[in-house]
């Protein structure tokens, strides 16, 4: 009534390589890998340009801040070393002794 299944011994059978599919695989890899590397390098280069642009902007702002601080310090130095300020400090610290001209 029911058909009996016979076990088939296939361990000695070896599948032949498909040379056409292997050549197609090599062709796809031969074209795909260089294109992928190009896209990877192109993306890396663009990201590096963007990063360097941000860094250049940050350094320009820092340079401007340092220049402003330097200008303020230079003005403070000029104000403190001006002839009027030095004379006023000299007269206030030596108020009991008169200033004489050297002769």
N, C-alpha and C. Protein backbone atom coordinates (compact mmCIF):
# COMPACT_ATOMS: atom_id res chain seq x y z
N UNK A 1 0.80 -1.18 0.00
CA UNK A 1 0.00 0.00 0.00
C UNK A 1 0.85 1.27 0.00
N UNK A 2 1.69 1.41 1.01
CA UNK A 2 2.60 2.56 1.03
C UNK A 2 3.92 2.17 0.42
N UNK A 3 4.48 3.12 -0.33
CA UNK A 3 5.77 2.84 -0.98
C UNK A 3 6.88 2.96 0.04
N UNK A 4 7.78 2.06 0.02
CA UNK A 4 8.93 2.09 0.92
C UNK A 4 10.03 2.94 0.27
N UNK A 5 10.61 3.82 1.10
CA UNK A 5 11.66 4.70 0.60
C UNK A 5 12.99 3.99 0.77
N UNK A 6 13.76 3.96 -0.29
CA UNK A 6 15.08 3.37 -0.23
C UNK A 6 16.09 4.45 0.13
N UNK A 7 16.99 4.19 1.03
CA UNK A 7 18.03 5.16 1.35
C UNK A 7 19.08 5.14 0.24
N UNK A 8 19.49 6.31 -0.15
CA UNK A 8 20.46 6.42 -1.24
C UNK A 8 21.77 6.92 -0.65
N UNK A 9 22.82 6.30 -0.99
CA UNK A 9 24.15 6.65 -0.50
C UNK A 9 24.78 7.64 -1.48
N UNK A 10 24.86 8.95 -1.07
CA UNK A 10 25.40 9.99 -1.94
C UNK A 10 26.73 10.54 -1.44
N UNK A 11 27.35 9.91 -0.51
CA UNK A 11 28.57 10.46 0.08
C UNK A 11 29.74 10.45 -0.89
N UNK A 12 29.72 9.63 -1.86
CA UNK A 12 30.83 9.55 -2.81
C UNK A 12 30.67 10.51 -3.99
N UNK A 13 29.53 11.17 -4.08
CA UNK A 13 29.28 12.10 -5.17
C UNK A 13 29.84 13.47 -4.79
N UNK A 14 30.63 14.06 -5.69
CA UNK A 14 31.24 15.38 -5.47
C UNK A 14 30.67 16.34 -6.50
N UNK A 15 30.25 17.49 -6.02
CA UNK A 15 29.65 18.48 -6.91
C UNK A 15 30.74 19.23 -7.66
N UNK A 16 30.57 19.37 -8.95
CA UNK A 16 31.55 20.05 -9.78
C UNK A 16 31.41 21.56 -9.60
N UNK A 17 32.54 22.24 -9.61
CA UNK A 17 32.51 23.70 -9.48
C UNK A 17 31.91 24.32 -10.72
N UNK A 18 31.12 25.37 -10.47
CA UNK A 18 30.53 26.10 -11.59
C UNK A 18 31.49 27.24 -11.94
N UNK A 19 32.25 27.05 -12.98
CA UNK A 19 33.29 28.01 -13.34
C UNK A 19 32.70 29.33 -13.82
N UNK A 20 31.55 29.27 -14.46
CA UNK A 20 30.92 30.51 -14.96
C UNK A 20 30.49 31.38 -13.79
N UNK A 21 29.86 30.79 -12.77
CA UNK A 21 29.43 31.56 -11.59
C UNK A 21 30.63 32.10 -10.83
N UNK A 22 31.72 31.35 -10.78
CA UNK A 22 32.93 31.79 -10.09
C UNK A 22 33.52 33.00 -10.81
N UNK A 23 33.54 32.99 -12.14
CA UNK A 23 34.03 34.15 -12.91
C UNK A 23 33.13 35.36 -12.71
N UNK A 24 31.82 35.14 -12.64
CA UNK A 24 30.89 36.24 -12.38
C UNK A 24 31.14 36.83 -10.98
N UNK A 25 31.36 35.97 -10.01
CA UNK A 25 31.66 36.44 -8.66
C UNK A 25 32.93 37.28 -8.64
N UNK A 26 33.97 36.81 -9.31
CA UNK A 26 35.22 37.57 -9.38
C UNK A 26 35.02 38.90 -10.09
N UNK A 27 34.21 38.93 -11.13
CA UNK A 27 33.95 40.17 -11.85
C UNK A 27 33.20 41.17 -10.97
N UNK A 28 32.20 40.68 -10.24
CA UNK A 28 31.45 41.56 -9.34
C UNK A 28 32.36 42.10 -8.24
N UNK A 29 33.16 41.21 -7.65
CA UNK A 29 34.09 41.65 -6.61
C UNK A 29 35.15 42.59 -7.17
N UNK A 30 35.62 42.30 -8.39
CA UNK A 30 36.62 43.15 -9.03
C UNK A 30 36.11 44.55 -9.28
N UNK A 31 34.84 44.70 -9.55
CA UNK A 31 34.26 46.03 -9.75
C UNK A 31 33.74 46.62 -8.44
N UNK A 32 33.19 45.80 -7.60
CA UNK A 32 32.56 46.29 -6.38
C UNK A 32 33.54 46.78 -5.33
N UNK A 33 34.65 46.06 -5.16
CA UNK A 33 35.62 46.44 -4.12
C UNK A 33 36.26 47.80 -4.42
N UNK A 34 36.74 48.06 -5.64
CA UNK A 34 37.30 49.40 -5.90
C UNK A 34 36.26 50.53 -5.75
N UNK A 35 35.05 50.26 -6.20
CA UNK A 35 34.00 51.28 -6.06
C UNK A 35 33.70 51.52 -4.59
N UNK A 36 33.62 50.46 -3.80
CA UNK A 36 33.39 50.60 -2.36
C UNK A 36 34.52 51.35 -1.68
N UNK A 37 35.76 51.03 -2.05
CA UNK A 37 36.91 51.75 -1.47
C UNK A 37 36.89 53.22 -1.86
N UNK A 38 36.55 53.51 -3.11
CA UNK A 38 36.46 54.90 -3.54
C UNK A 38 35.41 55.66 -2.74
N UNK A 39 34.25 55.06 -2.56
CA UNK A 39 33.20 55.72 -1.79
C UNK A 39 33.61 55.91 -0.33
N UNK A 40 34.28 54.93 0.22
CA UNK A 40 34.75 55.04 1.60
C UNK A 40 35.77 56.17 1.74
N UNK A 41 36.73 56.24 0.85
CA UNK A 41 37.73 57.31 0.89
C UNK A 41 37.10 58.67 0.63
N UNK A 42 36.16 58.73 -0.29
CA UNK A 42 35.48 59.99 -0.60
C UNK A 42 34.72 60.50 0.62
N UNK A 43 34.02 59.60 1.30
CA UNK A 43 33.28 59.98 2.51
C UNK A 43 34.23 60.41 3.61
N UNK A 44 35.30 59.67 3.81
CA UNK A 44 36.29 60.03 4.83
C UNK A 44 36.89 61.40 4.55
N UNK A 45 37.21 61.67 3.29
CA UNK A 45 37.79 62.96 2.92
C UNK A 45 36.81 64.10 3.20
N UNK A 46 35.55 63.92 2.85
CA UNK A 46 34.56 64.97 3.10
C UNK A 46 34.37 65.21 4.59
N UNK A 47 34.32 64.15 5.38
CA UNK A 47 34.19 64.30 6.83
C UNK A 47 35.41 65.01 7.42
N UNK A 48 36.58 64.72 6.90
CA UNK A 48 37.81 65.37 7.37
C UNK A 48 37.79 66.87 7.02
N UNK A 49 37.31 67.20 5.84
CA UNK A 49 37.21 68.61 5.44
C UNK A 49 36.25 69.35 6.38
N UNK A 50 35.13 68.73 6.70
CA UNK A 50 34.16 69.34 7.60
C UNK A 50 34.77 69.52 8.99
N UNK A 51 35.47 68.49 9.48
CA UNK A 51 36.09 68.57 10.81
C UNK A 51 37.15 69.68 10.85
N UNK A 52 37.96 69.76 9.81
CA UNK A 52 39.00 70.79 9.77
C UNK A 52 38.39 72.19 9.66
N UNK A 53 37.26 72.30 8.96
CA UNK A 53 36.57 73.60 8.89
C UNK A 53 36.08 74.04 10.26
N UNK A 54 35.51 73.10 11.02
CA UNK A 54 35.06 73.43 12.37
C UNK A 54 36.24 73.82 13.26
N UNK A 55 37.33 73.10 13.12
CA UNK A 55 38.50 73.40 13.94
C UNK A 55 39.09 74.76 13.57
N UNK A 56 39.12 75.08 12.27
CA UNK A 56 39.63 76.38 11.84
C UNK A 56 38.76 77.50 12.38
N UNK A 57 37.45 77.32 12.37
CA UNK A 57 36.55 78.33 12.92
C UNK A 57 36.78 78.51 14.41
N UNK A 58 36.94 77.40 15.12
CA UNK A 58 37.18 77.46 16.56
C UNK A 58 38.50 78.18 16.86
N UNK A 59 39.54 77.89 16.07
CA UNK A 59 40.84 78.54 16.28
C UNK A 59 40.79 80.03 15.94
N UNK A 60 40.01 80.40 14.93
CA UNK A 60 39.87 81.82 14.60
C UNK A 60 39.18 82.57 15.73
N UNK A 61 38.14 81.96 16.32
CA UNK A 61 37.47 82.60 17.46
C UNK A 61 38.41 82.74 18.64
N UNK A 62 39.19 81.70 18.90
CA UNK A 62 40.14 81.75 20.02
C UNK A 62 41.20 82.82 19.77
N UNK A 63 41.67 82.93 18.53
CA UNK A 63 42.65 83.96 18.18
C UNK A 63 42.06 85.35 18.40
N UNK A 64 40.81 85.54 18.00
CA UNK A 64 40.15 86.84 18.19
C UNK A 64 40.02 87.16 19.68
N UNK A 65 39.66 86.16 20.49
CA UNK A 65 39.54 86.39 21.93
C UNK A 65 40.89 86.76 22.54
N UNK A 66 41.95 86.08 22.11
CA UNK A 66 43.28 86.38 22.63
C UNK A 66 43.73 87.78 22.20
N UNK A 67 43.43 88.15 20.95
CA UNK A 67 43.77 89.50 20.48
C UNK A 67 43.02 90.56 21.28
N UNK A 68 41.74 90.30 21.57
CA UNK A 68 40.97 91.26 22.36
C UNK A 68 41.53 91.38 23.78
N UNK A 69 41.88 90.24 24.38
CA UNK A 69 42.47 90.28 25.72
C UNK A 69 43.81 91.00 25.70
N UNK A 70 44.60 90.78 24.67
CA UNK A 70 45.89 91.46 24.54
C UNK A 70 45.70 92.96 24.40
N UNK A 71 44.71 93.37 23.61
CA UNK A 71 44.42 94.80 23.43
C UNK A 71 44.01 95.43 24.76
N UNK A 72 43.16 94.72 25.50
CA UNK A 72 42.72 95.24 26.80
C UNK A 72 43.89 95.35 27.77
N UNK A 73 44.75 94.36 27.79
CA UNK A 73 45.92 94.41 28.68
C UNK A 73 46.88 95.52 28.26
N UNK A 74 47.04 95.71 26.97
CA UNK A 74 47.92 96.79 26.49
C UNK A 74 47.36 98.16 26.89
N UNK A 75 46.04 98.32 26.80
CA UNK A 75 45.42 99.58 27.23
C UNK A 75 45.60 99.79 28.73
N UNK A 76 45.45 98.73 29.50
CA UNK A 76 45.64 98.82 30.95
C UNK A 76 47.08 99.18 31.28
N UNK A 77 48.02 98.60 30.57
CA UNK A 77 49.44 98.91 30.79
C UNK A 77 49.72 100.36 30.42
N UNK A 78 49.19 100.83 29.31
CA UNK A 78 49.39 102.22 28.91
C UNK A 78 48.77 103.18 29.92
N UNK A 79 47.60 102.81 30.43
CA UNK A 79 46.94 103.67 31.41
C UNK A 79 47.75 103.75 32.70
N UNK A 80 48.29 102.63 33.14
CA UNK A 80 49.03 102.62 34.41
C UNK A 80 50.42 103.23 34.28
N UNK A 81 51.01 103.18 33.11
CA UNK A 81 52.35 103.74 32.94
C UNK A 81 52.33 105.13 32.33
N UNK A 82 51.16 105.73 32.17
CA UNK A 82 51.12 107.08 31.63
C UNK A 82 51.74 108.06 32.64
N UNK A 83 52.23 109.17 32.14
CA UNK A 83 52.94 110.13 32.98
C UNK A 83 52.05 110.67 34.10
N UNK A 84 50.79 110.93 33.80
CA UNK A 84 49.88 111.47 34.81
C UNK A 84 49.63 110.46 35.93
N UNK A 85 49.45 109.19 35.58
CA UNK A 85 49.19 108.16 36.60
C UNK A 85 50.41 107.94 37.47
N UNK A 86 51.60 107.94 36.87
CA UNK A 86 52.83 107.75 37.63
C UNK A 86 53.04 108.93 38.57
N UNK A 87 52.81 110.12 38.06
CA UNK A 87 52.98 111.31 38.89
C UNK A 87 52.00 111.31 40.05
N UNK A 88 50.75 110.94 39.79
CA UNK A 88 49.74 110.91 40.85
C UNK A 88 50.12 109.88 41.91
N UNK A 89 50.58 108.71 41.52
CA UNK A 89 51.00 107.71 42.50
C UNK A 89 52.21 108.18 43.28
N UNK A 90 53.12 108.86 42.61
CA UNK A 90 54.32 109.34 43.29
C UNK A 90 53.97 110.40 44.33
N UNK A 91 53.04 111.28 43.99
CA UNK A 91 52.67 112.33 44.94
C UNK A 91 51.83 111.78 46.08
N UNK A 92 51.02 110.76 45.82
CA UNK A 92 50.19 110.21 46.89
C UNK A 92 51.02 109.36 47.85
N UNK A 93 52.01 108.64 47.36
CA UNK A 93 52.81 107.82 48.25
C UNK A 93 53.86 108.64 48.99
N UNK A 94 54.30 109.70 48.39
CA UNK A 94 55.30 110.55 49.04
C UNK A 94 54.70 111.92 49.33
N UNK A 95 53.51 111.93 49.90
CA UNK A 95 52.82 113.20 50.14
C UNK A 95 53.52 114.03 51.22
N UNK A 96 54.26 113.39 52.11
CA UNK A 96 54.92 114.16 53.16
C UNK A 96 56.23 114.73 52.68
N UNK A 97 56.84 114.14 51.68
CA UNK A 97 58.12 114.69 51.18
C UNK A 97 57.89 115.34 49.84
N UNK A 98 58.30 116.56 49.69
CA UNK A 98 58.11 117.25 48.42
C UNK A 98 59.08 116.70 47.36
N UNK A 99 58.65 116.79 46.13
CA UNK A 99 59.47 116.32 45.01
C UNK A 99 60.35 117.48 44.58
N UNK A 100 61.64 117.24 44.53
CA UNK A 100 62.58 118.29 44.11
C UNK A 100 63.19 117.92 42.77
N UNK A 101 63.46 118.89 42.02
CA UNK A 101 64.15 118.69 40.74
C UNK A 101 65.65 118.54 41.00
N UNK A 102 66.27 117.70 40.29
CA UNK A 102 67.71 117.52 40.44
C UNK A 102 68.43 118.67 39.77
N UNK A 103 69.42 119.14 40.43
CA UNK A 103 70.17 120.25 39.82
C UNK A 103 71.61 119.93 39.67
